[in-house]
N, C-alpha and C. Protein backbone atom coordinates (compact mmCIF):
# COMPACT_ATOMS: atom_id res chain seq x y z
N MET A 1 67.80 155.39 120.70
CA MET A 1 68.34 154.99 121.97
C MET A 1 69.72 154.13 121.16
N SER A 2 71.04 154.34 121.58
CA SER A 2 72.27 153.99 121.34
C SER A 2 72.51 152.94 122.40
N SER A 3 73.35 151.87 121.89
CA SER A 3 73.82 150.46 121.88
C SER A 3 74.16 151.07 123.49
N ARG A 4 73.68 150.11 124.74
CA ARG A 4 74.70 149.64 125.79
C ARG A 4 75.02 148.35 126.40
N LEU A 5 76.38 148.57 126.99
CA LEU A 5 76.62 147.36 127.63
C LEU A 5 75.86 147.08 128.94
N ASN A 6 75.12 146.04 129.80
CA ASN A 6 75.06 146.38 130.90
C ASN A 6 74.93 144.79 131.37
N PRO A 7 74.97 144.95 132.81
CA PRO A 7 75.26 143.53 133.40
C PRO A 7 73.45 142.46 133.46
N TYR A 8 73.46 141.58 133.14
CA TYR A 8 71.90 140.97 133.40
C TYR A 8 72.48 139.55 134.28
N LEU A 9 71.84 139.85 135.36
CA LEU A 9 71.93 139.11 136.54
C LEU A 9 70.99 137.76 136.78
N THR A 10 71.42 136.57 136.84
CA THR A 10 70.31 135.18 137.07
C THR A 10 70.58 134.91 138.52
N PHE A 11 68.93 134.93 139.23
CA PHE A 11 68.78 134.40 140.75
C PHE A 11 67.55 133.30 140.73
N ASN A 12 68.31 132.27 141.93
CA ASN A 12 67.29 131.62 141.96
C ASN A 12 66.29 131.55 143.12
N GLY A 13 65.05 132.62 142.49
CA GLY A 13 64.24 132.99 143.48
C GLY A 13 64.17 134.10 144.06
N ASN A 14 65.27 134.72 144.42
CA ASN A 14 65.45 135.87 144.79
C ASN A 14 65.83 136.95 144.19
N ALA A 15 65.65 136.98 143.04
CA ALA A 15 65.70 138.40 142.23
C ALA A 15 65.17 139.36 142.54
N ARG A 16 63.80 139.57 143.72
CA ARG A 16 63.48 140.64 143.66
C ARG A 16 64.43 141.41 144.70
N GLN A 17 64.35 140.57 145.95
CA GLN A 17 65.64 140.82 147.01
C GLN A 17 66.44 141.51 146.74
N ALA A 18 67.36 141.20 145.57
CA ALA A 18 68.63 141.29 145.20
C ALA A 18 68.22 142.23 144.49
N MET A 19 67.07 142.54 143.61
CA MET A 19 67.10 144.03 143.18
C MET A 19 67.10 145.23 143.76
N GLU A 20 65.99 144.58 144.88
CA GLU A 20 65.58 145.84 146.23
C GLU A 20 66.57 146.02 146.73
N PHE A 21 67.43 145.49 147.07
CA PHE A 21 69.09 145.69 147.76
C PHE A 21 69.76 146.26 146.71
N TYR A 22 69.53 146.00 145.41
CA TYR A 22 70.67 147.14 144.51
C TYR A 22 70.34 148.26 144.60
N ALA A 23 69.02 148.50 144.20
CA ALA A 23 68.54 149.53 144.39
C ALA A 23 68.67 150.75 145.81
N ASN A 24 68.53 149.81 146.56
CA ASN A 24 68.72 150.48 148.24
C ASN A 24 70.52 150.61 148.15
N VAL A 25 71.61 150.30 147.12
CA VAL A 25 72.66 150.48 147.23
C VAL A 25 72.99 151.99 146.33
N PHE A 26 72.71 151.63 145.43
CA PHE A 26 72.69 152.84 144.14
C PHE A 26 71.72 153.70 144.04
N GLY A 27 70.25 153.45 144.38
CA GLY A 27 69.31 154.48 144.07
C GLY A 27 68.74 154.23 142.65
N GLY A 28 68.14 155.51 142.55
CA GLY A 28 67.43 154.67 141.00
C GLY A 28 65.92 154.26 141.06
N ASN A 29 65.69 153.97 139.68
CA ASN A 29 64.51 153.52 139.53
C ASN A 29 64.10 152.09 139.34
N LEU A 30 63.56 151.24 139.85
CA LEU A 30 63.06 149.78 139.75
C LEU A 30 62.01 149.48 139.01
N VAL A 31 62.47 148.38 138.06
CA VAL A 31 60.95 147.93 137.66
C VAL A 31 60.83 146.73 137.51
N LEU A 32 59.65 145.93 137.98
CA LEU A 32 59.90 144.76 138.01
C LEU A 32 58.77 144.19 137.74
N ASN A 33 59.24 143.08 136.88
CA ASN A 33 57.76 142.41 136.36
C ASN A 33 57.77 140.80 136.74
N THR A 34 56.80 139.91 137.56
CA THR A 34 56.74 138.69 137.50
C THR A 34 56.33 137.59 136.10
N PHE A 35 56.39 136.68 136.70
CA PHE A 35 56.22 135.77 135.46
C PHE A 35 54.48 136.05 135.66
N ALA A 36 53.90 135.56 136.60
CA ALA A 36 52.38 135.89 136.91
C ALA A 36 51.95 137.21 135.66
N GLU A 37 52.48 138.18 135.89
CA GLU A 37 52.30 139.32 135.46
C GLU A 37 52.37 139.54 133.64
N PHE A 38 52.95 138.42 133.36
CA PHE A 38 52.96 137.89 131.55
C PHE A 38 52.63 136.70 131.42
N GLY A 39 51.12 136.41 132.70
CA GLY A 39 50.54 135.03 131.99
C GLY A 39 50.79 134.02 133.09
N ALA A 40 51.89 134.02 133.37
CA ALA A 40 52.00 132.64 133.82
C ALA A 40 51.21 132.45 135.54
N THR A 41 50.16 132.79 135.47
CA THR A 41 49.63 132.81 136.28
C THR A 41 48.90 131.71 137.70
N ASP A 42 48.91 130.79 136.56
CA ASP A 42 48.90 129.36 137.46
C ASP A 42 50.02 128.35 137.57
N SER A 43 51.55 128.82 136.99
CA SER A 43 52.56 128.40 137.15
C SER A 43 53.09 128.35 138.44
N PRO A 44 53.88 127.64 138.95
CA PRO A 44 54.62 127.79 140.06
C PRO A 44 56.02 128.60 140.16
N ASP A 45 56.09 129.23 138.89
CA ASP A 45 56.89 130.38 139.31
C ASP A 45 56.23 131.83 138.89
N ALA A 46 55.19 131.63 139.53
CA ALA A 46 54.23 133.22 138.96
C ALA A 46 55.00 133.95 140.01
N ASP A 47 55.32 133.76 141.05
CA ASP A 47 55.57 135.00 141.94
C ASP A 47 57.70 135.32 141.31
N ARG A 48 57.76 134.21 140.85
CA ARG A 48 59.29 134.60 140.50
C ARG A 48 59.61 135.71 139.33
N THR A 49 60.67 136.26 139.49
CA THR A 49 60.52 137.68 138.66
C THR A 49 61.28 137.34 137.63
N MET A 50 60.23 138.16 136.58
CA MET A 50 60.56 137.54 135.01
C MET A 50 61.68 138.35 133.97
N HIS A 51 62.01 139.32 135.09
CA HIS A 51 62.48 140.65 134.16
C HIS A 51 62.42 141.90 135.50
N ALA A 52 63.57 142.33 135.72
CA ALA A 52 63.83 143.09 136.30
C ALA A 52 65.01 144.35 136.03
N MET A 53 64.49 145.37 135.82
CA MET A 53 65.69 146.53 135.67
C MET A 53 66.09 147.60 136.25
N LEU A 54 67.01 148.14 136.87
CA LEU A 54 67.21 148.96 138.16
C LEU A 54 68.26 150.18 137.00
N GLU A 55 67.91 151.51 137.08
CA GLU A 55 68.14 152.66 136.39
C GLU A 55 68.64 153.40 137.41
N THR A 56 69.76 153.84 137.49
CA THR A 56 70.24 154.96 138.70
C THR A 56 70.64 156.43 137.67
N ASP A 57 70.68 157.44 138.83
CA ASP A 57 70.61 158.33 138.36
C ASP A 57 72.49 158.40 137.89
N ALA A 58 73.16 158.10 138.59
CA ALA A 58 74.59 157.40 138.16
C ALA A 58 74.66 156.88 136.65
N GLY A 59 73.76 156.65 135.67
CA GLY A 59 73.69 156.46 134.59
C GLY A 59 73.93 154.99 134.65
N TYR A 60 73.64 154.01 135.54
CA TYR A 60 74.06 152.54 135.64
C TYR A 60 72.64 151.90 135.62
N THR A 61 72.99 150.42 134.56
CA THR A 61 71.85 149.75 134.41
C THR A 61 72.35 148.41 134.91
N ILE A 62 71.20 147.82 135.83
CA ILE A 62 71.44 146.39 136.13
C ILE A 62 70.24 145.95 135.87
N MET A 63 70.06 144.66 135.12
CA MET A 63 68.96 143.68 135.10
C MET A 63 69.16 142.56 135.22
N ALA A 64 67.86 141.80 135.39
CA ALA A 64 68.27 140.36 136.39
C ALA A 64 66.56 139.76 136.06
N SER A 65 66.74 138.61 136.64
CA SER A 65 65.45 137.40 136.27
C SER A 65 65.99 136.74 137.27
N ASP A 66 64.98 135.44 137.71
CA ASP A 66 64.72 134.18 138.35
C ASP A 66 64.99 133.24 137.25
N VAL A 67 65.46 131.75 137.30
CA VAL A 67 65.70 131.17 136.51
C VAL A 67 64.47 130.26 137.57
N THR A 68 63.56 129.43 136.12
CA THR A 68 62.10 129.05 136.40
C THR A 68 62.30 127.88 137.27
N SER A 69 61.75 127.35 137.89
CA SER A 69 61.75 126.14 138.51
C SER A 69 62.37 124.98 137.88
N ASP A 70 62.03 124.95 136.67
CA ASP A 70 62.71 123.49 135.80
C ASP A 70 64.17 123.89 135.19
N MET A 71 64.36 125.35 135.30
CA MET A 71 65.59 125.12 135.09
C MET A 71 66.95 124.92 136.04
N PRO A 72 67.89 124.68 135.78
CA PRO A 72 68.92 124.37 136.47
C PRO A 72 69.85 125.61 136.95
N TYR A 73 69.81 125.76 137.70
CA TYR A 73 70.62 127.71 138.41
C TYR A 73 71.85 127.63 138.30
N GLN A 74 72.50 127.98 137.54
CA GLN A 74 73.99 128.46 137.53
C GLN A 74 74.70 129.59 138.25
N PRO A 75 75.23 129.97 139.33
CA PRO A 75 75.74 130.88 139.83
C PRO A 75 76.60 131.90 138.91
N MET A 76 76.63 133.47 139.01
CA MET A 76 78.22 133.85 138.34
C MET A 76 79.15 133.32 138.92
N THR A 77 80.04 132.52 138.23
CA THR A 77 81.53 132.68 138.38
C THR A 77 82.57 133.40 137.41
N GLY A 78 83.74 133.49 137.55
CA GLY A 78 84.20 133.92 136.63
C GLY A 78 84.50 134.92 136.15
N SER A 79 83.37 135.99 136.91
CA SER A 79 83.29 137.76 136.65
C SER A 79 82.79 137.82 137.49
N SER A 80 83.05 139.63 137.49
CA SER A 80 82.68 140.49 138.24
C SER A 80 82.57 142.02 138.14
N LEU A 81 81.57 142.40 138.99
CA LEU A 81 80.96 144.15 138.37
C LEU A 81 81.64 144.65 138.67
N SER A 82 82.48 145.48 138.20
CA SER A 82 83.40 146.53 138.38
C SER A 82 82.99 148.11 138.65
N LEU A 83 83.36 148.36 139.82
CA LEU A 83 82.75 149.81 140.02
C LEU A 83 84.37 150.71 139.86
N SER A 84 84.38 152.02 139.05
CA SER A 84 85.65 152.28 139.15
C SER A 84 85.33 154.00 138.99
N GLY A 85 86.44 154.73 139.64
CA GLY A 85 86.09 156.48 139.72
C GLY A 85 86.85 156.57 140.36
N ASP A 86 87.01 158.18 140.88
CA ASP A 86 87.17 159.41 141.60
C ASP A 86 86.64 159.73 142.88
N ASP A 87 85.08 159.55 142.69
CA ASP A 87 84.57 160.11 143.82
C ASP A 87 84.28 159.21 145.05
N ALA A 88 85.45 159.93 145.60
CA ALA A 88 85.71 158.25 146.77
C ALA A 88 85.01 158.69 147.86
N ASP A 89 84.25 159.33 148.08
CA ASP A 89 83.22 159.50 149.34
C ASP A 89 81.87 157.98 148.88
N LEU A 90 81.21 158.59 147.27
CA LEU A 90 80.28 157.92 146.58
C LEU A 90 81.28 156.18 146.42
N LEU A 91 82.31 156.33 146.15
CA LEU A 91 82.37 154.84 145.65
C LEU A 91 82.95 153.92 147.42
N ARG A 92 82.92 154.74 147.81
CA ARG A 92 83.54 154.41 149.75
C ARG A 92 82.01 153.25 150.13
N GLY A 93 81.15 154.63 149.48
CA GLY A 93 79.69 153.98 150.26
C GLY A 93 78.86 153.25 149.93
N TYR A 94 79.13 152.76 148.32
CA TYR A 94 79.06 151.93 147.79
C TYR A 94 79.54 150.59 148.07
N TRP A 95 80.97 150.57 148.59
CA TRP A 95 81.36 149.70 148.96
C TRP A 95 80.92 149.05 150.23
N GLU A 96 80.97 149.99 151.50
CA GLU A 96 80.16 149.63 152.29
C GLU A 96 79.39 148.79 152.20
N LYS A 97 77.84 149.25 151.50
CA LYS A 97 77.16 148.86 151.51
C LYS A 97 76.71 147.39 150.57
N LEU A 98 77.53 146.92 149.70
CA LEU A 98 77.85 146.17 148.96
C LEU A 98 78.41 144.49 149.99
N SER A 99 79.25 145.19 150.58
CA SER A 99 80.17 144.06 151.69
C SER A 99 79.36 143.78 152.52
N ALA A 100 78.59 144.79 152.77
CA ALA A 100 77.55 144.48 153.87
C ALA A 100 77.03 143.15 153.74
N GLY A 101 77.19 141.95 155.38
CA GLY A 101 76.04 140.81 154.95
C GLY A 101 76.93 140.29 154.12
N GLY A 102 78.30 140.34 153.56
CA GLY A 102 78.76 139.64 152.41
C GLY A 102 80.34 139.13 153.14
N THR A 103 80.97 138.57 151.86
CA THR A 103 82.17 138.68 152.23
C THR A 103 83.13 139.39 151.70
N VAL A 104 84.29 139.77 152.22
CA VAL A 104 85.08 140.58 151.53
C VAL A 104 86.08 139.54 151.41
N THR A 105 86.84 139.64 150.06
CA THR A 105 87.67 138.51 149.17
C THR A 105 89.21 139.70 149.29
N MET A 106 88.84 140.76 149.37
CA MET A 106 90.44 142.13 149.06
C MET A 106 89.34 142.88 149.98
N PRO A 107 90.54 143.41 151.13
CA PRO A 107 90.08 144.88 152.05
C PRO A 107 89.96 145.64 150.80
N MET A 108 89.36 146.97 151.26
CA MET A 108 89.43 148.60 150.37
C MET A 108 90.70 148.61 150.86
N GLN A 109 91.62 149.09 150.19
CA GLN A 109 92.96 149.78 150.39
C GLN A 109 93.69 150.04 149.43
N LYS A 110 94.49 150.71 150.28
CA LYS A 110 95.49 151.68 148.77
C LYS A 110 96.39 150.50 148.44
N GLN A 111 97.18 150.23 147.04
CA GLN A 111 97.27 149.01 146.54
C GLN A 111 98.33 149.75 145.47
N ALA A 112 99.13 148.60 144.89
CA ALA A 112 100.47 148.98 144.43
C ALA A 112 100.80 150.31 143.61
N TRP A 113 99.51 150.23 142.51
CA TRP A 113 99.13 150.99 141.52
C TRP A 113 98.74 152.84 141.78
N GLY A 114 98.85 152.61 143.12
CA GLY A 114 98.23 154.28 143.96
C GLY A 114 96.75 154.04 144.00
N ASP A 115 95.82 153.54 143.46
CA ASP A 115 94.63 153.65 143.61
C ASP A 115 94.15 153.18 145.41
N GLU A 116 92.84 152.93 145.44
CA GLU A 116 92.14 152.09 146.37
C GLU A 116 91.49 151.12 145.64
N PHE A 117 91.53 150.30 146.44
CA PHE A 117 90.99 149.16 145.60
C PHE A 117 90.50 147.82 146.69
N GLY A 118 88.85 147.31 146.75
CA GLY A 118 88.73 146.51 146.86
C GLY A 118 87.79 145.14 146.83
N MET A 119 88.06 144.29 147.44
CA MET A 119 86.53 143.04 146.50
C MET A 119 85.62 142.51 147.73
N CYS A 120 84.68 142.27 146.87
CA CYS A 120 83.70 141.54 147.42
C CYS A 120 82.49 140.86 147.08
N VAL A 121 81.98 139.91 147.59
CA VAL A 121 81.23 139.03 147.37
C VAL A 121 79.82 139.66 148.18
N ASP A 122 78.88 140.22 147.50
CA ASP A 122 77.54 140.55 148.35
C ASP A 122 76.78 139.62 148.89
N LYS A 123 75.78 139.91 149.66
CA LYS A 123 75.09 138.74 150.04
C LYS A 123 74.08 137.63 149.17
N PHE A 124 74.34 138.69 147.88
CA PHE A 124 73.51 137.65 146.41
C PHE A 124 74.61 137.04 145.81
N SER A 125 76.03 137.00 146.42
CA SER A 125 76.72 135.80 145.54
C SER A 125 77.13 136.70 144.26
N VAL A 126 77.23 138.03 144.62
CA VAL A 126 77.47 138.45 143.12
C VAL A 126 78.84 138.99 143.56
N SER A 127 80.08 138.84 142.83
CA SER A 127 81.25 139.51 142.78
C SER A 127 81.37 140.84 142.66
N TRP A 128 81.92 141.74 143.28
CA TRP A 128 82.02 143.20 142.62
C TRP A 128 83.62 143.21 143.05
N MET A 129 84.27 144.44 142.74
CA MET A 129 85.64 145.10 142.56
C MET A 129 85.01 146.59 142.33
N VAL A 130 85.82 147.36 143.30
CA VAL A 130 85.57 148.80 143.63
C VAL A 130 87.02 149.34 143.43
N ASN A 131 87.23 150.92 142.70
CA ASN A 131 88.41 151.12 142.26
C ASN A 131 88.25 152.31 142.78
N ILE A 132 88.32 153.44 143.81
CA ILE A 132 88.97 154.40 143.87
C ILE A 132 90.27 155.03 142.88
N SER A 133 90.42 155.78 142.01
CA SER A 133 91.05 156.44 141.34
C SER A 133 92.25 157.54 142.56
N ARG A 134 93.40 157.18 142.48
CA ARG A 134 93.66 158.09 143.46
C ARG A 134 93.98 159.85 142.88
N SER A 135 93.83 160.79 143.80
CA SER A 135 94.28 162.01 143.10
C SER A 135 95.34 162.15 142.26
N GLN A 136 94.80 162.89 140.98
CA GLN A 136 95.58 163.55 140.52
C GLN A 136 96.65 164.91 140.99
N ALA A 137 96.16 165.63 141.55
CA ALA A 137 96.98 166.61 142.30
C ALA A 137 98.06 166.78 142.30
């Protein structure tokens, strides 16, 4: 396998719900394992997600886990996940699903550079930027 870079998100007990949400947004194959499945059956964290991976038909990979109850939870700050391309219908569909139930921090609209662009924080507190490249026609 060649090297790749992909986001690994951390949640505080709701990684399963978040990853199921992203599977609904992007489609693909979601594999999820709990701490209990790796031997921690008597742990207070048994039902938390130890590791989840979503691989989509578009080639996206998102990984995630829950922190254990003895770890401090640090929400993601200072960064965003960025989606960009020229498939306007596909990207608008992602935008609609990601922003639903979340907070739009910059509405999807045409920008000074000619593309459509928007920013939101989804209902799991993950920041997203979506850029739809203008047609080169």
